[in-house]
């Protein structure tokens, strides 16, 4: 796996650029769950997985940096508000 492996907590859902489009990956297995022509399509598919499994969603840009992060389960931060 590439350099993003250190960022992936077990079960988190990631949208990452791939050779054939945008990949939806779940960190628990590191394999593409699906591949989409646009980042927006991949984001929607990933959001459904994150909601269903109550996990975090990370949307990466073409450069690999995280562009968006959403929590659909228990928020891991302990701050109020």
N, C-alpha and C. Protein backbone atom coordinates (compact mmCIF):
# COMPACT_ATOMS: atom_id res chain seq x y z
N UNK A 1 0.85 -1.18 0.00
CA UNK A 1 0.00 0.00 0.00
C UNK A 1 0.89 1.24 0.00
N UNK A 2 0.37 2.36 -0.46
CA UNK A 2 1.17 3.56 -0.55
C UNK A 2 1.23 4.34 0.76
N UNK A 3 1.69 5.57 0.73
CA UNK A 3 1.92 6.37 1.92
C UNK A 3 0.71 6.70 2.75
N UNK A 4 -0.49 6.53 2.22
CA UNK A 4 -1.68 6.86 3.01
C UNK A 4 -2.00 5.81 4.05
N UNK A 5 -1.31 4.68 4.05
CA UNK A 5 -1.61 3.59 4.97
C UNK A 5 -1.55 4.04 6.42
N UNK A 6 -0.62 4.92 6.75
CA UNK A 6 -0.50 5.39 8.12
C UNK A 6 -1.66 6.26 8.56
N UNK A 7 -2.42 6.80 7.62
CA UNK A 7 -3.55 7.67 7.94
C UNK A 7 -4.84 6.89 8.15
N UNK A 8 -4.87 5.65 7.71
CA UNK A 8 -6.12 4.91 7.69
C UNK A 8 -6.34 4.11 8.98
N UNK A 9 -7.31 4.52 9.75
CA UNK A 9 -7.71 3.73 10.91
C UNK A 9 -8.58 2.58 10.42
N UNK A 10 -8.56 1.50 11.14
CA UNK A 10 -9.30 0.32 10.71
C UNK A 10 -10.78 0.64 10.55
N UNK A 11 -11.31 0.41 9.36
CA UNK A 11 -12.72 0.60 9.09
C UNK A 11 -13.10 1.96 8.53
N UNK A 12 -12.21 2.95 8.59
CA UNK A 12 -12.53 4.25 8.01
C UNK A 12 -12.69 4.12 6.50
N UNK A 13 -13.51 4.98 5.92
CA UNK A 13 -13.82 4.93 4.49
C UNK A 13 -13.09 6.09 3.81
N UNK A 14 -12.40 5.78 2.71
CA UNK A 14 -11.59 6.78 2.01
C UNK A 14 -11.96 6.84 0.54
N UNK A 15 -11.97 8.06 0.00
CA UNK A 15 -12.09 8.28 -1.44
C UNK A 15 -10.71 8.73 -1.89
N UNK A 16 -10.11 7.95 -2.78
CA UNK A 16 -8.74 8.24 -3.22
C UNK A 16 -8.65 8.15 -4.74
N UNK A 17 -7.73 8.92 -5.34
CA UNK A 17 -7.56 8.83 -6.78
C UNK A 17 -6.92 7.50 -7.15
N UNK A 18 -7.35 6.94 -8.27
CA UNK A 18 -6.79 5.68 -8.76
C UNK A 18 -6.45 5.80 -10.24
N UNK A 19 -5.92 4.75 -10.78
CA UNK A 19 -5.54 4.76 -12.20
C UNK A 19 -6.75 4.87 -13.12
N UNK A 20 -7.88 4.29 -12.70
CA UNK A 20 -9.07 4.25 -13.55
C UNK A 20 -10.22 5.08 -13.02
N UNK A 21 -9.94 6.07 -12.20
CA UNK A 21 -11.00 6.90 -11.63
C UNK A 21 -10.80 7.07 -10.13
N UNK A 22 -11.88 7.33 -9.43
CA UNK A 22 -11.83 7.54 -7.98
C UNK A 22 -12.25 6.27 -7.26
N UNK A 23 -11.41 5.83 -6.33
CA UNK A 23 -11.62 4.57 -5.62
C UNK A 23 -12.25 4.84 -4.25
N UNK A 24 -13.17 3.96 -3.86
CA UNK A 24 -13.72 3.95 -2.50
C UNK A 24 -13.05 2.78 -1.80
N UNK A 25 -12.31 3.08 -0.73
CA UNK A 25 -11.60 2.05 0.02
C UNK A 25 -12.04 2.07 1.47
N UNK A 26 -12.08 0.90 2.07
CA UNK A 26 -12.32 0.78 3.51
C UNK A 26 -11.00 0.30 4.09
N UNK A 27 -10.49 1.04 5.07
CA UNK A 27 -9.14 0.79 5.59
C UNK A 27 -8.98 -0.61 6.17
N UNK A 28 -10.04 -1.25 6.59
CA UNK A 28 -9.94 -2.58 7.17
C UNK A 28 -9.38 -3.58 6.18
N UNK A 29 -9.68 -3.40 4.88
CA UNK A 29 -9.19 -4.37 3.90
C UNK A 29 -8.28 -3.77 2.84
N UNK A 30 -8.28 -2.43 2.68
CA UNK A 30 -7.38 -1.77 1.76
C UNK A 30 -7.66 -1.99 0.28
N UNK A 31 -8.73 -2.71 -0.03
CA UNK A 31 -9.09 -2.95 -1.43
C UNK A 31 -10.16 -1.95 -1.86
N UNK A 32 -10.24 -1.71 -3.15
CA UNK A 32 -11.28 -0.82 -3.66
C UNK A 32 -12.63 -1.51 -3.54
N UNK A 33 -13.56 -0.85 -2.89
CA UNK A 33 -14.94 -1.34 -2.84
C UNK A 33 -15.64 -1.05 -4.16
N UNK A 34 -15.27 0.11 -4.74
CA UNK A 34 -15.83 0.50 -6.03
C UNK A 34 -14.93 1.55 -6.65
N UNK A 35 -15.08 1.74 -7.96
CA UNK A 35 -14.33 2.75 -8.70
C UNK A 35 -15.35 3.57 -9.48
N UNK A 36 -15.18 4.90 -9.46
CA UNK A 36 -16.14 5.82 -10.07
C UNK A 36 -15.42 6.79 -11.00
N UNK A 37 -16.16 7.30 -11.97
CA UNK A 37 -15.61 8.23 -12.94
C UNK A 37 -15.31 9.60 -12.37
N UNK A 38 -16.06 10.00 -11.35
CA UNK A 38 -15.84 11.32 -10.74
C UNK A 38 -15.67 11.18 -9.24
N UNK A 39 -15.02 12.18 -8.67
CA UNK A 39 -14.85 12.20 -7.22
C UNK A 39 -16.21 12.32 -6.52
N UNK A 40 -17.12 13.09 -7.11
CA UNK A 40 -18.44 13.28 -6.51
C UNK A 40 -19.21 11.97 -6.42
N UNK A 41 -19.15 11.16 -7.46
CA UNK A 41 -19.82 9.85 -7.44
C UNK A 41 -19.21 8.94 -6.38
N UNK A 42 -17.89 8.95 -6.29
CA UNK A 42 -17.21 8.13 -5.30
C UNK A 42 -17.54 8.60 -3.89
N UNK A 43 -17.63 9.91 -3.70
CA UNK A 43 -17.95 10.47 -2.39
C UNK A 43 -19.33 10.02 -1.93
N UNK A 44 -20.30 10.03 -2.83
CA UNK A 44 -21.65 9.60 -2.46
C UNK A 44 -21.68 8.13 -2.06
N UNK A 45 -20.98 7.29 -2.83
CA UNK A 45 -20.93 5.86 -2.50
C UNK A 45 -20.22 5.65 -1.16
N UNK A 46 -19.13 6.38 -0.94
CA UNK A 46 -18.38 6.26 0.31
C UNK A 46 -19.19 6.76 1.50
N UNK A 47 -19.96 7.82 1.29
CA UNK A 47 -20.77 8.36 2.38
C UNK A 47 -21.81 7.33 2.83
N UNK A 48 -22.40 6.62 1.91
CA UNK A 48 -23.37 5.58 2.28
C UNK A 48 -22.73 4.48 3.11
N UNK A 49 -21.53 4.07 2.73
CA UNK A 49 -20.81 3.04 3.51
C UNK A 49 -20.49 3.57 4.90
N UNK A 50 -19.99 4.81 4.98
CA UNK A 50 -19.63 5.40 6.27
C UNK A 50 -20.86 5.55 7.17
N UNK A 51 -21.98 5.96 6.61
CA UNK A 51 -23.21 6.09 7.40
C UNK A 51 -23.68 4.73 7.92
N UNK A 52 -23.68 3.74 7.03
CA UNK A 52 -24.15 2.41 7.39
C UNK A 52 -23.27 1.76 8.46
N UNK A 53 -21.96 1.97 8.37
CA UNK A 53 -21.03 1.34 9.30
C UNK A 53 -20.63 2.24 10.46
N UNK A 54 -21.16 3.48 10.45
CA UNK A 54 -20.88 4.46 11.50
C UNK A 54 -19.37 4.71 11.66
N UNK A 55 -18.76 5.03 10.53
CA UNK A 55 -17.31 5.29 10.48
C UNK A 55 -17.02 6.69 9.99
N UNK A 56 -15.74 7.03 9.94
CA UNK A 56 -15.32 8.31 9.40
C UNK A 56 -15.11 8.20 7.90
N UNK A 57 -15.38 9.30 7.20
CA UNK A 57 -15.18 9.39 5.76
C UNK A 57 -14.09 10.42 5.50
N UNK A 58 -13.12 10.03 4.70
CA UNK A 58 -12.03 10.92 4.29
C UNK A 58 -12.05 11.02 2.77
N UNK A 59 -12.11 12.24 2.25
CA UNK A 59 -12.05 12.46 0.81
C UNK A 59 -10.70 13.09 0.51
N UNK A 60 -9.90 12.40 -0.29
CA UNK A 60 -8.56 12.85 -0.64
C UNK A 60 -8.58 13.54 -2.00
N UNK A 61 -7.70 14.51 -2.19
CA UNK A 61 -7.54 15.15 -3.49
C UNK A 61 -6.59 14.34 -4.36
N UNK A 62 -6.38 14.80 -5.57
CA UNK A 62 -5.45 14.11 -6.48
C UNK A 62 -4.04 14.04 -5.90
N UNK A 63 -3.68 15.00 -5.05
CA UNK A 63 -2.35 15.01 -4.45
C UNK A 63 -2.25 14.10 -3.22
N UNK A 64 -3.36 13.44 -2.86
CA UNK A 64 -3.35 12.54 -1.71
C UNK A 64 -3.72 13.19 -0.40
N UNK A 65 -3.73 14.51 -0.35
CA UNK A 65 -4.08 15.22 0.88
C UNK A 65 -5.57 15.13 1.17
N UNK A 66 -5.91 15.11 2.44
CA UNK A 66 -7.32 15.04 2.83
C UNK A 66 -7.98 16.39 2.55
N UNK A 67 -9.06 16.37 1.78
CA UNK A 67 -9.81 17.58 1.44
C UNK A 67 -11.03 17.74 2.31
N UNK A 68 -11.56 16.61 2.78
CA UNK A 68 -12.81 16.63 3.54
C UNK A 68 -12.81 15.45 4.50
N UNK A 69 -13.39 15.67 5.68
CA UNK A 69 -13.48 14.61 6.68
C UNK A 69 -14.83 14.74 7.39
N UNK A 70 -15.56 13.63 7.47
CA UNK A 70 -16.86 13.62 8.14
C UNK A 70 -16.96 12.39 9.01
N UNK A 71 -17.58 12.55 10.17
CA UNK A 71 -17.79 11.44 11.09
C UNK A 71 -19.27 11.08 11.08
N UNK A 72 -19.57 9.80 10.84
CA UNK A 72 -20.94 9.33 10.82
C UNK A 72 -21.27 8.42 11.97
N UNK A 73 -20.31 8.22 12.86
CA UNK A 73 -20.55 7.42 14.07
C UNK A 73 -20.32 8.31 15.27
N UNK A 74 -19.67 7.79 16.27
CA UNK A 74 -19.32 8.56 17.45
C UNK A 74 -18.13 9.44 17.10
N UNK A 75 -18.25 10.72 17.36
CA UNK A 75 -17.17 11.65 17.07
C UNK A 75 -15.98 11.33 17.96
N UNK A 76 -14.80 11.05 17.38
CA UNK A 76 -13.64 10.67 18.18
C UNK A 76 -13.07 11.80 19.02
N UNK A 77 -13.46 13.04 18.73
CA UNK A 77 -12.95 14.17 19.51
C UNK A 77 -13.70 14.26 20.82
N UNK A 78 -13.00 14.66 21.86
CA UNK A 78 -13.65 14.77 23.16
C UNK A 78 -14.09 16.20 23.47
N UNK A 79 -13.89 17.12 22.54
CA UNK A 79 -14.28 18.50 22.77
C UNK A 79 -15.80 18.67 22.67
N UNK A 80 -16.30 19.66 23.40
CA UNK A 80 -17.73 19.95 23.36
C UNK A 80 -18.00 20.93 22.23
N UNK A 81 -19.21 20.84 21.65
CA UNK A 81 -19.60 21.83 20.67
C UNK A 81 -19.70 21.37 19.31
